[in-house]
Amino acid sequence: MHLGFETATWPRRMLALAVDWIACLLVTGIFMPVYGANASQASGFVVLGVFVLESAVMCATAGGSFGQLVTRLRVVRADGGGRPLALLPAIGRQLLVALVIPPLVFKPDGRGLHDLAVGSAVVELGTFRSISGR
């Protein structure tokens, strides 16, 4: 499938991921230690679970995770409609992101295996608005 729009740049996606991860560390840290001698071995998995839940729910309701919204990125359906993903595809997408490898294997159009699996694309907000508005 040829996309009728450009996908977001990798540096911006990495920045969004870093913002998400830091936010999830801070939220998890309120309830349990995530680093240091008092942190349990499971704390990393708890942070990962918070990340998957946060990013999937926000992706389905707001069109992107907290980090994506802050960096002006959105996850849209690849059919070009500009609509956010439904909840189940958003959860599937984020579970694949959590596996790390799917985002690292991608097509020339910038969509990784996680996007291909659920029919999504990550776009920059200003660029996508101008394209979808025609």
C-alpha atoms as a PDB file:
ATOM      1  CA  MET A   1       0.000   0.000   0.000  1.00  0.00           C
ATOM      2  CA  HIS A   2       1.352   3.414  -0.945  1.00  0.00           C
ATOM      3  CA  LEU A   3       0.737   6.082   1.668  1.00  0.00           C
ATOM      4  CA  GLY A   4      -0.559   9.412   0.441  1.00  0.00           C
ATOM      5  CA  PHE A   5       1.402  11.216   3.155  1.00  0.00           C
ATOM      6  CA  GLU A   6       4.827  11.264   4.808  1.00  0.00           C
ATOM      7  CA  THR A   7       5.506   9.536   8.087  1.00  0.00           C
ATOM      8  CA  ALA A   8       7.231  11.206  11.017  1.00  0.00           C
ATOM      9  CA  THR A   9      11.010  11.411  11.281  1.00  0.00           C
ATOM     10  CA  TRP A  10      12.890   8.911  13.436  1.00  0.00           C
ATOM     11  CA  PRO A  11      14.513  11.520  15.712  1.00  0.00           C
ATOM     12  CA  ARG A  12      11.090  12.887  16.614  1.00  0.00           C
ATOM     13  CA  ARG A  13       9.765   9.390  17.274  1.00  0.00           C
ATOM     14  CA  MET A  14      12.722   8.635  19.548  1.00  0.00           C
ATOM     15  CA  LEU A  15      12.140  11.886  21.439  1.00  0.00           C
ATOM     16  CA  ALA A  16       8.469  10.939  21.915  1.00  0.00           C
ATOM     17  CA  LEU A  17       9.495   7.497  23.177  1.00  0.00           C
ATOM     18  CA  ALA A  18      11.954   9.059  25.652  1.00  0.00           C
ATOM     19  CA  VAL A  19       9.260  11.445  26.943  1.00  0.00           C
ATOM     20  CA  ASP A  20       6.847   8.520  27.350  1.00  0.00           C
ATOM     21  CA  TRP A  21       9.396   6.384  29.161  1.00  0.00           C
ATOM     22  CA  ILE A  22      10.401   9.162  31.571  1.00  0.00           C
ATOM     23  CA  ALA A  23       6.741   9.917  32.300  1.00  0.00           C
ATOM     24  CA  CYS A  24       6.062   6.231  32.986  1.00  0.00           C
ATOM     25  CA  LEU A  25       9.112   6.033  35.270  1.00  0.00           C
ATOM     26  CA  LEU A  26       7.873   9.055  37.229  1.00  0.00           C
ATOM     27  CA  VAL A  27       4.322   7.717  37.548  1.00  0.00           C
ATOM     28  CA  THR A  28       5.507   4.257  38.572  1.00  0.00           C
ATOM     29  CA  GLY A  29       8.009   5.813  40.988  1.00  0.00           C
ATOM     30  CA  ILE A  30       5.142   7.395  42.915  1.00  0.00           C
ATOM     31  CA  PHE A  31       3.866   3.936  43.845  1.00  0.00           C
ATOM     32  CA  MET A  32       7.046   1.874  44.067  1.00  0.00           C
ATOM     33  CA  PRO A  33      10.816   2.299  43.851  1.00  0.00           C
ATOM     34  CA  VAL A  34      12.036   1.772  40.295  1.00  0.00           C
ATOM     35  CA  TYR A  35      15.779   2.268  40.845  1.00  0.00           C
ATOM     36  CA  GLY A  36      18.192   1.622  43.674  1.00  0.00           C
ATOM     37  CA  ALA A  37      18.517  -0.948  46.399  1.00  0.00           C
ATOM     38  CA  ASN A  38      14.806  -0.846  47.300  1.00  0.00           C
ATOM     39  CA  ALA A  39      13.595  -1.531  43.748  1.00  0.00           C
ATOM     40  CA  SER A  40      12.234  -4.987  43.077  1.00  0.00           C
ATOM     41  CA  GLN A  41      13.347  -7.047  40.097  1.00  0.00           C
ATOM     42  CA  ALA A  42       9.838  -6.669  38.658  1.00  0.00           C
ATOM     43  CA  SER A  43       9.864  -2.857  38.662  1.00  0.00           C
ATOM     44  CA  GLY A  44      11.125  -2.723  35.064  1.00  0.00           C
ATOM     45  CA  PHE A  45       8.198  -4.847  33.939  1.00  0.00           C
ATOM     46  CA  VAL A  46       5.797  -2.645  35.883  1.00  0.00           C
ATOM     47  CA  VAL A  47       7.163   0.437  34.075  1.00  0.00           C
ATOM     48  CA  LEU A  48       6.821  -1.407  30.755  1.00  0.00           C
ATOM     49  CA  GLY A  49       3.222  -2.332  31.614  1.00  0.00           C
ATOM     50  CA  VAL A  50       2.420   1.277  32.482  1.00  0.00           C
ATOM     51  CA  PHE A  51       3.996   2.338  29.176  1.00  0.00           C
ATOM     52  CA  VAL A  52       1.925  -0.146  27.140  1.00  0.00           C
ATOM     53  CA  LEU A  53      -1.297   0.770  28.944  1.00  0.00           C
ATOM     54  CA  GLU A  54      -0.725   4.542  28.801  1.00  0.00           C
ATOM     55  CA  SER A  55       0.323   4.622  25.187  1.00  0.00           C
ATOM     56  CA  ALA A  56      -2.422   2.255  23.972  1.00  0.00           C
ATOM     57  CA  VAL A  57      -5.266   4.024  25.773  1.00  0.00           C
ATOM     58  CA  MET A  58      -4.061   7.485  24.779  1.00  0.00           C
ATOM     59  CA  CYS A  59      -3.401   6.348  21.221  1.00  0.00           C
ATOM     60  CA  ALA A  60      -6.988   5.138  20.915  1.00  0.00           C
ATOM     61  CA  THR A  61      -8.578   8.129  22.649  1.00  0.00           C
ATOM     62  CA  ALA A  62      -6.322  11.085  21.807  1.00  0.00           C
ATOM     63  CA  GLY A  63      -4.505   9.867  18.697  1.00  0.00           C
ATOM     64  CA  GLY A  64      -1.113   9.370  20.325  1.00  0.00           C
ATOM     65  CA  SER A  65       0.737   8.613  23.534  1.00  0.00           C
ATOM     66  CA  PHE A  66       1.653  11.383  25.963  1.00  0.00           C
ATOM     67  CA  GLY A  67       5.113  11.679  24.399  1.00  0.00           C
ATOM     68  CA  GLN A  68       3.703  11.713  20.886  1.00  0.00           C
ATOM     69  CA  LEU A  69       1.206  14.429  21.748  1.00  0.00           C
ATOM     70  CA  VAL A  70       3.912  16.560  23.371  1.00  0.00           C
ATOM     71  CA  THR A  71       6.157  16.212  20.311  1.00  0.00           C
ATOM     72  CA  ARG A  72       3.236  16.872  17.919  1.00  0.00           C
ATOM     73  CA  LEU A  73       3.055  13.351  16.515  1.00  0.00           C
ATOM     74  CA  ARG A  74      -0.069  11.298  15.946  1.00  0.00           C
ATOM     75  CA  VAL A  75      -0.783   7.646  15.222  1.00  0.00           C
ATOM     76  CA  VAL A  76      -3.339   7.429  12.441  1.00  0.00           C
ATOM     77  CA  ARG A  77      -4.851   4.704  10.334  1.00  0.00           C
ATOM     78  CA  ALA A  78      -2.753   4.095   7.245  1.00  0.00           C
ATOM     79  CA  ASP A  79      -5.785   4.421   4.986  1.00  0.00           C
ATOM     80  CA  GLY A  80      -5.265   8.187   5.214  1.00  0.00           C
ATOM     81  CA  GLY A  81      -8.479   9.040   6.984  1.00  0.00           C
ATOM     82  CA  GLY A  82      -6.693  10.653   9.902  1.00  0.00           C
ATOM     83  CA  ARG A  83      -8.739   8.751  12.444  1.00  0.00           C
ATOM     84  CA  PRO A  84      -7.043   7.262  15.528  1.00  0.00           C
ATOM     85  CA  LEU A  85      -6.827   3.516  16.006  1.00  0.00           C
ATOM     86  CA  ALA A  86      -9.476   1.578  17.865  1.00  0.00           C
ATOM     87  CA  LEU A  87      -8.486   0.295  21.326  1.00  0.00           C
ATOM     88  CA  LEU A  88      -7.657  -3.335  20.413  1.00  0.00           C
ATOM     89  CA  PRO A  89      -5.354  -2.448  17.486  1.00  0.00           C
ATOM     90  CA  ALA A  90      -3.748   0.229  19.681  1.00  0.00           C
ATOM     91  CA  ILE A  91      -3.047  -2.370  22.394  1.00  0.00           C
ATOM     92  CA  GLY A  92      -1.639  -4.784  19.807  1.00  0.00           C
ATOM     93  CA  ARG A  93       0.559  -2.053  18.353  1.00  0.00           C
ATOM     94  CA  GLN A  94       1.961  -1.091  21.742  1.00  0.00           C
ATOM     95  CA  LEU A  95       2.600  -4.711  22.731  1.00  0.00           C
ATOM     96  CA  LEU A  96       4.665  -5.054  19.540  1.00  0.00           C
ATOM     97  CA  VAL A  97       6.514  -1.817  20.372  1.00  0.00           C
ATOM     98  CA  ALA A  98       7.311  -3.290  23.801  1.00  0.00           C
ATOM     99  CA  LEU A  99       8.979  -6.261  22.077  1.00  0.00           C
ATOM    100  CA  VAL A 100      11.501  -3.731  20.619  1.00  0.00           C
ATOM    101  CA  ILE A 101      12.307  -5.641  17.391  1.00  0.00           C
ATOM    102  CA  PRO A 102       9.139  -4.777  15.360  1.00  0.00           C
ATOM    103  CA  PRO A 103       9.838  -1.012  15.377  1.00  0.00           C
ATOM    104  CA  LEU A 104      13.413  -1.674  14.228  1.00  0.00           C
ATOM    105  CA  VAL A 105      12.276  -3.583  11.121  1.00  0.00           C
ATOM    106  CA  PHE A 106      10.590  -1.099   8.826  1.00  0.00           C
ATOM    107  CA  LYS A 107       9.668  -0.331   5.226  1.00  0.00           C
ATOM    108  CA  PRO A 108      11.073   2.602   3.231  1.00  0.00           C
ATOM    109  CA  ASP A 109       7.916   4.588   4.049  1.00  0.00           C
ATOM    110  CA  GLY A 110       8.965   4.572   7.724  1.00  0.00           C
ATOM    111  CA  ARG A 111       6.350   2.150   9.043  1.00  0.00           C
ATOM    112  CA  GLY A 112       7.673  -0.609  11.269  1.00  0.00           C
ATOM    113  CA  LEU A 113       6.241  -4.096  11.666  1.00  0.00           C
ATOM    114  CA  HIS A 114       4.103  -2.833  14.545  1.00  0.00           C
ATOM    115  CA  ASP A 115       2.459  -0.270  12.230  1.00  0.00           C
ATOM    116  CA  LEU A 116       2.111  -2.732   9.375  1.00  0.00           C
ATOM    117  CA  ALA A 117       0.446  -5.302  11.657  1.00  0.00           C
ATOM    118  CA  VAL A 118      -2.368  -2.944  12.664  1.00  0.00           C
ATOM    119  CA  GLY A 119      -2.528  -0.658   9.629  1.00  0.00           C
ATOM    120  CA  SER A 120      -1.230   2.496  11.282  1.00  0.00           C
ATOM    121  CA  ALA A 121       1.311   5.220  10.621  1.00  0.00           C
ATOM    122  CA  VAL A 122       3.003   7.856  12.783  1.00  0.00           C
ATOM    123  CA  VAL A 123       2.743  11.334  11.314  1.00  0.00           C
ATOM    124  CA  GLU A 124       3.803  14.845  12.244  1.00  0.00           C
ATOM    125  CA  LEU A 125       0.719  16.833  13.137  1.00  0.00           C
ATOM    126  CA  GLY A 126       1.263  19.912  10.947  1.00  0.00           C
ATOM    127  CA  THR A 127       2.306  17.931   7.881  1.00  0.00           C
ATOM    128  CA  PHE A 128      -0.578  15.484   8.120  1.00  0.00           C
ATOM    129  CA  ARG A 129      -3.203  18.186   8.623  1.00  0.00           C
ATOM    130  CA  SER A 130      -2.164  19.953   5.453  1.00  0.00           C
ATOM    131  CA  ILE A 131      -2.212  16.723   3.458  1.00  0.00           C
ATOM    132  CA  SER A 132      -5.453  15.333   4.867  1.00  0.00           C
ATOM    133  CA  GLY A 133      -7.179  18.691   4.475  1.00  0.00           C
ATOM    134  CA  ARG A 134      -7.063  18.670   0.681  1.00  0.00           C
END
